[in-house]
Structure formats: structure tokens, C-alpha cells
Amino acid sequence: MVRNILASDNVLSFFICAPKDGSGVVGLIIGQCGADRDYVFYLARSPAKRDKRSSFDDIEEDLVLDHAKQISRMLPGGMNILGIVVSHPEDVTSPLHPKVKSLLSNLCKTLDYNRFYGNAKKEMIILSFIPKPQKYICKEYNISNGTLQLADFKFTSKKLKWYRIDCALLIDELYYLDKEENKSSLEEHIKVSLKKQ
């Protein structure tokens, strides 16, 4: 089954700011997975070192992975990093560029390393933009078996609707800690206090 992805027109500004020197730009696709389609609400450009890159192979993978960690920590519940976006003069998806393959594999490992980052899917999206003919190519890369398949990526001028659920828990109790317990983390203190209840 082909993966359907819908994005708002406002994410196109990512491609307008892309450099024209041929070195390429990498960013992260941020959105929400739905039952029948995925929704993209932002394309975050990953930082690069100040010195100029001469080729796509010179992209600093560590900076992109660190950027993914930082963004994942800031995202509200239900929002995830769905994949990467690449703006490059050549198509990096057919055949899959080794740098992109390495980046996707390490990105998946980085996001899986900490369960709080929220990504549980083993399929990552690659959105490739070729500036000269203004062409978009979107594919889904399965990390487990290394397969690529086309994905249906559409831009829409309509506003996308997001569901938001707020939840708050108020505990109006005092809990005292023993001197031996003060070396534990806050999470452990809360668990112990709730068990005493």
C-alpha cells in the first residue's frame, strides 16, 4: 500500500531558502502519523557548519542527528520526526545515495535510543527536491529490510486540522523523603510516593 502524505503549502518556504551552489540542504520532516495518511506541518532545516560544503557527501551527519534529538524533545505528544527532506541538484533517491541511507539508519537508531523521542515506526520518509525542474520525489525507506517504495506526497492550500487533547493531574499531598531516598531521580520519588498512597 502506498503511503499518503499531506502537507500545507507553507512548508514550501524550505525550498525557497535552499542554496543554489549544488552542495545540497538536509532537513527534518515533522508531522503526525494518522490511520490513513500522514500530515506534515513543518520542514526544519538542519544546521551546517559555517565553512562551505563542496559536495553532498560533506553534510555533517552528527549535526543532523543532534538536531533531531533537540527537535524531538520539543515536540508535543503525537508529533514526530517522519523522515528527512533533501534539496539537491540530483535525485538522491534513485539509486539511494549512501549518505542518505546512512543518515536514515542513524536517525532511526537515535530516535529509538530514547523511548521519549516518540518514533516507533521503522519506515522513514525521504522527500527529495530537485531545484532546476522544480521536481519533488517522495519515497518511503524501510529501515529493517532496506527497501524503497514510492509515497504519495501532496501539498494543499487548505488548512490542516490537528487534534489536541490536554490532560492535567493535580496531586495535593505532601510526601516526605528519607535521607536514603534523596539520591534517586524525581521520577523514582514520584513512583515511591504514589505507591505509599
Protein backbone atom coordinates (compact mmCIF):
# COMPACT_ATOMS: atom_id res chain seq x y z
CA MET A 1 0.00 0.00 0.00
CA VAL A 2 1.30 3.46 -0.93
CA ARG A 3 1.85 5.83 1.97
CA ASN A 4 -0.19 9.04 1.65
CA ILE A 5 1.31 12.24 3.00
CA LEU A 6 -0.39 15.63 3.06
CA ALA A 7 1.42 18.92 3.71
CA SER A 8 0.36 22.53 3.86
CA ASP A 9 1.68 24.99 1.25
CA ASN A 10 3.52 26.97 3.93
CA VAL A 11 6.25 24.30 4.16
CA LEU A 12 7.40 25.22 0.64
CA SER A 13 9.43 28.10 2.12
CA PHE A 14 12.07 25.47 3.00
CA PHE A 15 12.90 25.10 -0.70
CA ILE A 16 12.93 28.83 -1.47
CA CYS A 17 15.79 29.38 1.01
CA ALA A 18 17.86 26.43 -0.28
CA PRO A 19 21.31 27.39 -1.63
CA LYS A 20 21.84 27.18 -5.37
CA ASP A 21 25.52 26.17 -5.20
CA GLY A 22 24.85 22.43 -5.58
CA SER A 23 26.04 21.35 -2.13
CA GLY A 24 22.57 20.36 -1.01
CA VAL A 25 20.47 21.01 2.07
CA VAL A 26 19.14 18.48 4.55
CA GLY A 27 16.25 18.95 6.92
CA LEU A 28 13.79 17.01 9.03
CA ILE A 29 10.15 16.27 8.20
CA ILE A 30 7.99 16.93 11.25
CA GLY A 31 4.42 15.76 11.37
CA GLN A 32 1.83 13.37 12.67
CA CYS A 33 1.05 9.81 11.63
CA GLY A 34 -2.62 9.12 11.01
CA ALA A 35 -4.61 5.97 10.33
CA ASP A 36 -4.98 6.53 6.57
CA ARG A 37 -2.43 9.30 5.90
CA ASP A 38 0.39 11.24 7.47
CA TYR A 39 0.34 15.00 7.96
CA VAL A 40 3.41 17.21 7.63
CA PHE A 41 3.33 20.57 9.36
CA TYR A 42 6.96 21.69 9.20
CA LEU A 43 10.24 21.08 7.37
CA ALA A 44 13.09 22.02 9.72
CA ARG A 45 16.38 22.85 8.05
CA SER A 46 19.28 21.17 9.84
CA PRO A 47 22.23 23.39 10.76
CA ALA A 48 25.51 23.25 8.88
CA LYS A 49 29.00 24.34 9.82
CA ARG A 50 30.00 27.84 8.80
CA ASP A 51 32.51 26.74 6.20
CA LYS A 52 31.11 25.91 2.77
CA ARG A 53 30.39 22.32 1.81
CA SER A 54 31.76 21.32 -1.55
CA SER A 55 29.50 18.29 -2.08
CA PHE A 56 26.54 16.43 -0.66
CA ASP A 57 28.90 13.91 0.97
CA ASP A 58 30.27 16.70 3.20
CA ILE A 59 26.98 17.05 5.11
CA GLU A 60 27.69 16.66 8.82
CA GLU A 61 25.63 13.69 9.95
CA ASP A 62 26.28 14.42 13.64
CA LEU A 63 24.72 17.88 13.35
CA VAL A 64 21.59 16.46 11.71
CA LEU A 65 21.26 13.74 14.37
CA ASP A 66 21.77 16.23 17.20
CA HIS A 67 19.19 18.49 15.57
CA ALA A 68 16.74 15.56 15.52
CA LYS A 69 17.29 14.93 19.24
CA GLN A 70 16.67 18.57 20.09
CA ILE A 71 13.54 18.82 17.97
CA SER A 72 12.13 15.56 19.34
CA ARG A 73 12.44 16.87 22.87
CA MET A 74 10.45 19.99 21.97
CA LEU A 75 7.62 18.35 20.05
CA PRO A 76 4.25 17.93 21.75
CA GLY A 77 2.73 14.47 22.06
CA GLY A 78 1.64 12.88 18.80
CA MET A 79 4.12 14.87 16.70
CA ASN A 80 7.17 13.03 15.39
CA ILE A 81 10.06 13.25 13.00
CA LEU A 82 8.77 11.36 9.97
CA GLY A 83 11.93 11.47 7.86
CA ILE A 84 14.31 13.77 6.03
CA VAL A 85 13.98 16.32 3.28
CA VAL A 86 16.83 16.87 0.82
CA SER A 87 17.24 19.70 -1.67
CA HIS A 88 19.92 18.74 -4.19
CA PRO A 89 20.51 19.22 -7.95
CA GLU A 90 20.39 15.43 -8.45
CA ASP A 91 17.85 12.85 -7.35
CA VAL A 92 19.28 11.21 -4.21
CA THR A 93 16.57 8.53 -4.08
CA SER A 94 17.23 6.54 -7.25
CA PRO A 95 19.52 4.92 -6.52
CA LEU A 96 19.52 5.77 -2.83
CA HIS A 97 22.58 7.89 -2.07
CA PRO A 98 24.84 6.18 0.53
CA LYS A 99 24.88 9.34 2.67
CA VAL A 100 21.05 9.41 2.76
CA LYS A 101 20.91 5.70 3.63
CA SER A 102 23.41 6.17 6.46
CA LEU A 103 21.59 9.26 7.70
CA LEU A 104 18.22 7.50 7.79
CA SER A 105 19.58 4.43 9.58
CA ASN A 106 21.36 6.51 12.20
CA LEU A 107 18.35 8.80 12.58
CA CYS A 108 16.13 5.81 13.31
CA LYS A 109 18.67 4.46 15.85
CA THR A 110 18.95 7.86 17.51
CA LEU A 111 15.20 8.27 17.85
CA ASP A 112 14.73 4.68 19.05
CA TYR A 113 17.50 5.00 21.63
CA ASN A 114 15.31 7.05 23.95
CA ARG A 115 11.68 5.96 24.17
CA PHE A 116 10.62 9.53 24.95
CA TYR A 117 11.54 10.71 21.45
CA GLY A 118 8.33 9.12 20.22
CA ASN A 119 9.26 7.47 16.91
CA ALA A 120 8.27 3.82 16.81
CA LYS A 121 8.00 3.39 13.04
CA LYS A 122 10.76 1.70 11.08
CA GLU A 123 9.73 3.46 7.87
CA MET A 124 11.15 6.89 7.19
CA ILE A 125 10.07 9.36 4.51
CA ILE A 126 12.58 10.88 2.08
CA LEU A 127 11.37 14.00 0.29
CA SER A 128 13.82 14.91 -2.46
CA PHE A 129 13.57 18.30 -4.17
CA ILE A 130 15.43 18.98 -7.44
CA PRO A 131 15.59 22.78 -7.91
CA LYS A 132 16.11 23.13 -11.68
CA PRO A 133 12.96 21.40 -12.93
CA GLN A 134 11.18 22.15 -9.58
CA LYS A 135 10.52 18.45 -9.07
CA TYR A 136 9.53 16.65 -5.85
CA ILE A 137 10.14 12.95 -5.34
CA CYS A 138 8.91 11.25 -2.20
CA LYS A 139 9.80 7.72 -1.16
CA GLU A 140 9.43 5.59 1.92
CA TYR A 141 12.52 3.78 3.18
CA ASN A 142 12.07 0.68 5.32
CA ILE A 143 14.98 0.56 7.77
CA SER A 144 14.52 -3.15 8.60
CA ASN A 145 14.88 -4.59 5.11
CA GLY A 146 16.37 -1.64 3.18
CA THR A 147 13.56 -1.35 0.61
CA LEU A 148 12.38 1.84 -1.06
CA GLN A 149 8.88 2.43 -2.34
CA LEU A 150 7.14 5.48 -3.75
CA ALA A 151 4.98 7.58 -1.46
CA ASP A 152 2.22 9.98 -2.43
CA PHE A 153 3.23 13.45 -1.15
CA LYS A 154 0.73 16.25 -1.82
CA PHE A 155 0.70 19.93 -0.96
CA THR A 156 -2.61 21.58 -0.16
CA SER A 157 -3.67 25.19 0.26
CA LYS A 158 -6.37 24.19 2.77
CA LYS A 159 -5.62 24.49 6.46
CA LEU A 160 -4.88 21.16 8.07
CA LYS A 161 -6.85 20.29 11.19
CA TRP A 162 -5.00 18.99 14.23
CA TYR A 163 -6.45 17.22 17.20
CA ARG A 164 -5.25 18.28 20.59
CA ILE A 165 -6.01 16.67 23.91
CA ASP A 166 -4.95 18.35 27.12
CA CYS A 167 -4.56 16.45 30.34
CA ALA A 168 -3.58 17.68 33.76
CA LEU A 169 -3.08 15.84 37.01
CA LEU A 170 -3.05 17.69 40.29
CA ILE A 171 -1.73 15.95 43.38
CA ASP A 172 -2.39 17.95 46.51
CA GLU A 173 -0.46 15.87 49.02
CA LEU A 174 2.79 16.23 50.92
CA TYR A 175 5.25 13.38 50.74
CA TYR A 176 8.35 13.25 52.85
CA LEU A 177 11.54 11.54 51.76
CA ASP A 178 14.03 9.67 53.90
CA LYS A 179 17.67 10.69 53.73
CA GLU A 180 18.49 7.41 51.99
CA GLU A 181 15.96 8.12 49.23
CA ASN A 182 17.30 11.53 48.18
CA LYS A 183 19.80 10.03 45.72
CA SER A 184 17.05 8.74 43.43
CA SER A 185 15.66 10.59 40.42
CA LEU A 186 12.49 12.68 40.56
CA GLU A 187 10.62 10.02 38.61
CA GLU A 188 11.56 7.39 41.21
CA HIS A 189 10.45 9.69 44.05
CA ILE A 190 7.06 10.16 42.44
CA LYS A 191 6.61 6.42 41.90
CA VAL A 192 7.53 5.64 45.53
CA SER A 193 5.23 8.37 46.84
CA LEU A 194 2.29 7.14 44.76
CA LYS A 195 2.83 3.54 45.92
CA LYS A 196 2.62 4.70 49.56
CA GLN A 197 -0.79 6.15 48.81
